[in-house]
N, C-alpha and C. Protein backbone atom coordinates (compact mmCIF):
# COMPACT_ATOMS: atom_id res chain seq x y z
N GLY A 1 -25.09 -7.36 -16.64
CA GLY A 1 -26.18 -7.15 -15.74
C GLY A 1 -25.76 -6.28 -14.57
N LEU A 2 -26.71 -5.92 -13.78
CA LEU A 2 -26.50 -5.11 -12.58
C LEU A 2 -27.04 -5.88 -11.40
N VAL A 3 -26.31 -5.90 -10.32
CA VAL A 3 -26.73 -6.57 -9.09
C VAL A 3 -26.88 -5.50 -8.01
N SER A 4 -28.04 -5.51 -7.34
CA SER A 4 -28.27 -4.54 -6.27
C SER A 4 -28.93 -5.23 -5.10
N ALA A 5 -28.37 -5.06 -3.92
CA ALA A 5 -28.91 -5.65 -2.70
C ALA A 5 -28.22 -4.98 -1.51
N PRO A 6 -28.83 -5.08 -0.33
CA PRO A 6 -28.20 -4.47 0.85
C PRO A 6 -26.84 -5.08 1.18
N ALA A 7 -26.65 -6.38 0.88
CA ALA A 7 -25.37 -7.03 1.15
C ALA A 7 -25.05 -7.98 0.00
N LEU A 8 -23.83 -7.89 -0.52
CA LEU A 8 -23.42 -8.73 -1.64
C LEU A 8 -22.16 -9.48 -1.27
N ALA A 9 -22.13 -10.79 -1.52
CA ALA A 9 -20.94 -11.60 -1.28
C ALA A 9 -20.75 -12.53 -2.46
N PHE A 10 -19.65 -12.40 -3.17
CA PHE A 10 -19.41 -13.18 -4.38
C PHE A 10 -18.25 -14.16 -4.25
N GLY A 11 -17.68 -14.31 -3.07
CA GLY A 11 -16.49 -15.14 -2.97
C GLY A 11 -15.39 -14.53 -3.81
N SER A 12 -14.83 -15.32 -4.71
CA SER A 12 -13.78 -14.77 -5.58
C SER A 12 -14.35 -14.31 -6.92
N GLY A 13 -15.69 -14.34 -7.08
CA GLY A 13 -16.32 -13.90 -8.32
C GLY A 13 -16.64 -12.42 -8.28
N SER A 14 -17.40 -11.95 -9.28
CA SER A 14 -17.79 -10.55 -9.34
C SER A 14 -19.25 -10.45 -9.75
N ALA A 15 -19.82 -9.28 -9.60
CA ALA A 15 -21.24 -9.07 -9.91
C ALA A 15 -21.52 -9.23 -11.39
N SER A 16 -20.61 -8.78 -12.22
CA SER A 16 -20.77 -8.86 -13.67
C SER A 16 -19.40 -8.67 -14.30
N SER A 17 -19.34 -8.76 -15.62
CA SER A 17 -18.04 -8.58 -16.28
C SER A 17 -17.47 -7.20 -16.01
N ARG A 18 -18.33 -6.22 -15.78
CA ARG A 18 -17.87 -4.86 -15.46
C ARG A 18 -17.95 -4.56 -13.96
N ASN A 19 -18.30 -5.59 -13.19
CA ASN A 19 -18.42 -5.49 -11.73
C ASN A 19 -19.40 -4.40 -11.31
N TRP A 20 -20.50 -4.28 -12.04
CA TRP A 20 -21.54 -3.32 -11.67
C TRP A 20 -22.31 -3.86 -10.48
N ARG A 21 -22.30 -3.12 -9.41
CA ARG A 21 -23.05 -3.51 -8.22
C ARG A 21 -23.33 -2.28 -7.38
N ASN A 22 -24.33 -2.39 -6.56
CA ASN A 22 -24.74 -1.28 -5.73
C ASN A 22 -25.18 -1.83 -4.38
N THR A 23 -24.53 -1.41 -3.32
CA THR A 23 -24.93 -1.85 -1.99
C THR A 23 -25.55 -0.71 -1.19
N SER A 24 -25.56 0.46 -1.76
CA SER A 24 -26.24 1.57 -1.09
C SER A 24 -26.82 2.49 -2.14
N SER A 25 -28.01 2.92 -1.92
CA SER A 25 -28.62 3.85 -2.86
C SER A 25 -29.46 4.85 -2.07
N SER A 26 -29.75 5.94 -2.70
CA SER A 26 -30.55 6.96 -2.03
C SER A 26 -31.78 7.27 -2.89
N ASN A 27 -32.50 6.22 -3.25
CA ASN A 27 -33.71 6.41 -4.04
C ASN A 27 -34.74 7.19 -3.23
N SER A 28 -35.37 8.14 -3.88
CA SER A 28 -36.37 8.92 -3.17
C SER A 28 -37.68 8.15 -3.02
N ILE A 29 -37.87 7.14 -3.86
CA ILE A 29 -39.07 6.30 -3.77
C ILE A 29 -38.63 4.89 -3.39
N GLN A 30 -39.19 4.37 -2.31
CA GLN A 30 -38.88 3.02 -1.90
C GLN A 30 -40.15 2.20 -2.01
N ILE A 31 -40.00 0.95 -2.44
CA ILE A 31 -41.15 0.08 -2.64
C ILE A 31 -40.83 -1.27 -2.01
N SER A 32 -41.81 -1.86 -1.36
CA SER A 32 -41.60 -3.16 -0.75
C SER A 32 -41.60 -4.23 -1.84
N ALA A 33 -41.08 -5.39 -1.50
CA ALA A 33 -41.05 -6.50 -2.47
C ALA A 33 -42.46 -6.87 -2.90
N SER A 34 -43.38 -6.93 -1.97
CA SER A 34 -44.76 -7.32 -2.33
C SER A 34 -45.42 -6.26 -3.22
N ASP A 35 -45.15 -4.98 -2.97
CA ASP A 35 -45.69 -3.92 -3.83
C ASP A 35 -45.07 -3.98 -5.22
N PHE A 36 -43.78 -4.31 -5.30
CA PHE A 36 -43.12 -4.42 -6.59
C PHE A 36 -43.71 -5.57 -7.40
N ILE A 37 -43.94 -6.70 -6.74
CA ILE A 37 -44.55 -7.84 -7.43
C ILE A 37 -45.96 -7.50 -7.88
N SER A 38 -46.71 -6.79 -7.05
CA SER A 38 -48.05 -6.35 -7.46
C SER A 38 -47.98 -5.43 -8.66
N TYR A 39 -47.01 -4.55 -8.67
CA TYR A 39 -46.80 -3.65 -9.80
C TYR A 39 -46.52 -4.45 -11.08
N LEU A 40 -45.62 -5.43 -10.98
CA LEU A 40 -45.31 -6.25 -12.15
C LEU A 40 -46.52 -7.05 -12.61
N ARG A 41 -47.26 -7.61 -11.66
CA ARG A 41 -48.45 -8.41 -12.03
C ARG A 41 -49.49 -7.57 -12.75
N SER A 42 -49.54 -6.28 -12.46
CA SER A 42 -50.52 -5.43 -13.14
C SER A 42 -50.10 -5.16 -14.59
N ARG A 43 -48.85 -5.46 -14.92
CA ARG A 43 -48.33 -5.17 -16.26
C ARG A 43 -47.91 -6.39 -17.07
N THR A 44 -47.74 -7.53 -16.42
CA THR A 44 -47.30 -8.73 -17.11
C THR A 44 -47.74 -9.97 -16.34
N LEU A 45 -47.75 -11.09 -17.02
CA LEU A 45 -48.07 -12.36 -16.37
C LEU A 45 -46.82 -12.88 -15.70
N ILE A 46 -46.91 -13.17 -14.41
CA ILE A 46 -45.78 -13.71 -13.68
C ILE A 46 -46.08 -15.17 -13.36
N LYS A 47 -45.23 -16.06 -13.83
CA LYS A 47 -45.35 -17.49 -13.51
C LYS A 47 -44.73 -17.72 -12.15
N THR A 48 -45.11 -18.80 -11.50
CA THR A 48 -44.51 -19.15 -10.22
C THR A 48 -43.79 -20.49 -10.35
N ALA A 49 -42.74 -20.66 -9.58
CA ALA A 49 -41.99 -21.92 -9.56
C ALA A 49 -41.54 -22.20 -8.14
N GLN A 50 -41.68 -23.44 -7.73
CA GLN A 50 -41.22 -23.87 -6.41
C GLN A 50 -39.82 -24.47 -6.47
N ASN A 51 -39.42 -24.92 -7.68
CA ASN A 51 -38.11 -25.52 -7.86
C ASN A 51 -37.65 -25.33 -9.30
N LEU A 52 -36.38 -25.60 -9.54
CA LEU A 52 -35.81 -25.37 -10.87
C LEU A 52 -36.40 -26.29 -11.94
N GLU A 53 -36.82 -27.47 -11.54
CA GLU A 53 -37.40 -28.40 -12.51
C GLU A 53 -38.65 -27.81 -13.16
N GLU A 54 -39.40 -27.00 -12.42
CA GLU A 54 -40.61 -26.38 -12.98
C GLU A 54 -40.26 -25.43 -14.12
N ILE A 55 -39.13 -24.76 -14.03
CA ILE A 55 -38.70 -23.86 -15.11
C ILE A 55 -38.44 -24.68 -16.36
N SER A 56 -37.77 -25.81 -16.19
CA SER A 56 -37.45 -26.66 -17.33
C SER A 56 -38.69 -27.41 -17.85
N GLN A 57 -39.44 -28.04 -16.97
CA GLN A 57 -40.61 -28.83 -17.37
C GLN A 57 -41.69 -27.99 -18.04
N ASN A 58 -41.88 -26.79 -17.58
CA ASN A 58 -42.90 -25.91 -18.15
C ASN A 58 -42.37 -25.06 -19.29
N ASN A 59 -41.10 -25.30 -19.66
CA ASN A 59 -40.45 -24.60 -20.76
C ASN A 59 -40.62 -23.07 -20.65
N LEU A 60 -40.40 -22.55 -19.44
CA LEU A 60 -40.55 -21.12 -19.21
C LEU A 60 -39.45 -20.35 -19.95
N ASN A 61 -39.85 -19.32 -20.68
CA ASN A 61 -38.91 -18.50 -21.43
C ASN A 61 -39.57 -17.16 -21.74
N ARG A 62 -38.75 -16.12 -21.81
CA ARG A 62 -39.22 -14.77 -22.13
C ARG A 62 -40.36 -14.32 -21.21
N GLN A 63 -40.17 -14.50 -19.92
CA GLN A 63 -41.18 -14.07 -18.97
C GLN A 63 -40.58 -13.91 -17.57
N ALA A 64 -41.41 -13.40 -16.69
CA ALA A 64 -41.02 -13.23 -15.29
C ALA A 64 -41.47 -14.46 -14.51
N VAL A 65 -40.61 -14.88 -13.59
CA VAL A 65 -40.89 -16.06 -12.78
C VAL A 65 -40.68 -15.69 -11.32
N LEU A 66 -41.68 -15.93 -10.49
CA LEU A 66 -41.55 -15.75 -9.04
C LEU A 66 -41.14 -17.08 -8.45
N PHE A 67 -39.92 -17.15 -7.93
CA PHE A 67 -39.38 -18.38 -7.36
C PHE A 67 -39.54 -18.34 -5.85
N SER A 68 -40.25 -19.31 -5.31
CA SER A 68 -40.48 -19.38 -3.86
C SER A 68 -39.41 -20.24 -3.20
N GLY A 69 -38.68 -19.64 -2.28
CA GLY A 69 -37.63 -20.37 -1.57
C GLY A 69 -36.26 -19.91 -2.01
N ASN A 70 -35.25 -20.52 -1.43
CA ASN A 70 -33.87 -20.18 -1.76
C ASN A 70 -33.49 -20.79 -3.10
N LEU A 71 -32.63 -20.08 -3.85
CA LEU A 71 -32.20 -20.54 -5.16
C LEU A 71 -30.69 -20.49 -5.24
N THR A 72 -30.09 -21.60 -5.65
CA THR A 72 -28.66 -21.67 -5.90
C THR A 72 -28.45 -22.04 -7.36
N ILE A 73 -27.66 -21.23 -8.06
CA ILE A 73 -27.30 -21.53 -9.45
C ILE A 73 -25.83 -21.91 -9.45
N ASN A 74 -25.54 -23.13 -9.91
CA ASN A 74 -24.17 -23.62 -9.93
C ASN A 74 -23.95 -24.50 -11.15
N ASP A 75 -22.79 -25.15 -11.21
CA ASP A 75 -22.45 -25.98 -12.37
C ASP A 75 -23.45 -27.11 -12.60
N SER A 76 -24.04 -27.63 -11.54
CA SER A 76 -24.94 -28.78 -11.70
C SER A 76 -26.31 -28.41 -12.25
N ASN A 77 -26.71 -27.14 -12.16
CA ASN A 77 -28.05 -26.78 -12.65
C ASN A 77 -28.07 -25.60 -13.63
N LYS A 78 -26.92 -25.08 -14.01
CA LYS A 78 -26.88 -23.90 -14.88
C LYS A 78 -27.47 -24.16 -16.26
N ALA A 79 -27.48 -25.41 -16.72
CA ALA A 79 -28.01 -25.72 -18.05
C ALA A 79 -29.51 -25.41 -18.15
N ILE A 80 -30.21 -25.40 -17.01
CA ILE A 80 -31.64 -25.08 -17.01
C ILE A 80 -31.87 -23.68 -17.58
N PHE A 81 -30.91 -22.78 -17.40
CA PHE A 81 -31.07 -21.40 -17.83
C PHE A 81 -30.55 -21.15 -19.25
N ALA A 82 -29.95 -22.16 -19.88
CA ALA A 82 -29.40 -21.99 -21.22
C ALA A 82 -30.50 -21.65 -22.22
N ASN A 83 -30.24 -20.66 -23.05
CA ASN A 83 -31.16 -20.24 -24.11
C ASN A 83 -32.53 -19.79 -23.59
N ARG A 84 -32.55 -19.26 -22.40
CA ARG A 84 -33.79 -18.72 -21.83
C ARG A 84 -33.56 -17.26 -21.45
N SER A 85 -34.58 -16.46 -21.66
CA SER A 85 -34.57 -15.07 -21.21
C SER A 85 -35.60 -14.95 -20.11
N LEU A 86 -35.14 -14.84 -18.89
CA LEU A 86 -36.03 -14.82 -17.73
C LEU A 86 -35.70 -13.67 -16.80
N VAL A 87 -36.73 -13.15 -16.16
CA VAL A 87 -36.56 -12.28 -15.01
C VAL A 87 -37.01 -13.13 -13.83
N ILE A 88 -36.10 -13.38 -12.90
CA ILE A 88 -36.44 -14.24 -11.77
C ILE A 88 -36.52 -13.40 -10.51
N LEU A 89 -37.69 -13.38 -9.91
CA LEU A 89 -37.93 -12.72 -8.63
C LEU A 89 -37.87 -13.81 -7.57
N ILE A 90 -37.06 -13.63 -6.56
CA ILE A 90 -36.83 -14.69 -5.59
C ILE A 90 -37.36 -14.29 -4.22
N ASP A 91 -38.25 -15.11 -3.70
CA ASP A 91 -38.75 -14.94 -2.34
C ASP A 91 -37.90 -15.83 -1.45
N GLY A 92 -36.65 -15.42 -1.24
CA GLY A 92 -35.67 -16.20 -0.49
C GLY A 92 -34.29 -15.67 -0.80
N ASN A 93 -33.29 -16.50 -0.63
CA ASN A 93 -31.90 -16.12 -0.87
C ASN A 93 -31.44 -16.65 -2.22
N LEU A 94 -30.57 -15.88 -2.89
CA LEU A 94 -29.97 -16.28 -4.16
C LEU A 94 -28.49 -16.50 -3.95
N ASN A 95 -28.02 -17.66 -4.36
CA ASN A 95 -26.59 -17.97 -4.33
C ASN A 95 -26.17 -18.35 -5.74
N ILE A 96 -25.16 -17.65 -6.28
CA ILE A 96 -24.64 -17.96 -7.60
C ILE A 96 -23.18 -18.35 -7.44
N SER A 97 -22.85 -19.56 -7.86
CA SER A 97 -21.47 -20.02 -7.79
C SER A 97 -20.60 -19.18 -8.71
N HIS A 98 -19.43 -18.80 -8.25
CA HIS A 98 -18.55 -18.00 -9.10
C HIS A 98 -17.93 -18.84 -10.22
N TYR A 99 -18.19 -20.13 -10.24
CA TYR A 99 -17.71 -20.99 -11.32
C TYR A 99 -18.70 -21.10 -12.47
N VAL A 100 -19.87 -20.51 -12.31
CA VAL A 100 -20.87 -20.55 -13.37
C VAL A 100 -20.39 -19.72 -14.54
N CYS A 101 -20.64 -20.22 -15.76
CA CYS A 101 -20.21 -19.49 -16.94
C CYS A 101 -20.98 -18.19 -17.07
N THR A 102 -20.60 -17.37 -18.01
CA THR A 102 -21.24 -16.08 -18.23
C THR A 102 -22.68 -16.31 -18.62
N LEU A 103 -23.61 -15.67 -17.91
CA LEU A 103 -25.01 -15.76 -18.23
C LEU A 103 -25.35 -14.69 -19.24
N THR A 104 -26.01 -15.06 -20.32
CA THR A 104 -26.36 -14.10 -21.36
C THR A 104 -27.83 -14.21 -21.68
N ALA A 105 -28.38 -13.19 -22.26
CA ALA A 105 -29.78 -13.19 -22.64
C ALA A 105 -29.94 -12.35 -23.90
N GLU A 106 -31.05 -12.55 -24.58
CA GLU A 106 -31.34 -11.76 -25.78
C GLU A 106 -31.86 -10.41 -25.41
């Protein structure tokens, strides 16, 4: 995968197996988060989730999910993402423990 954000902190981990990351870009077109979500909604159904249990309880898979609030993925909750292909848009902060196993998708 590729990770892109204005500031990235991984502790002793890395962005991906190839350490692909971008903290600066010079895109000629800039889009706000709300405009990007509107763009996606015009092309696909986006589910919403307030917590990780909603992803599991609603058996969300092969779709985009707008997560409201901060999200931490670590050893205690990583199983929720097993065998799921998701695009997660986060309206908050994302923290991924560097102890989490390799995340894969189809």
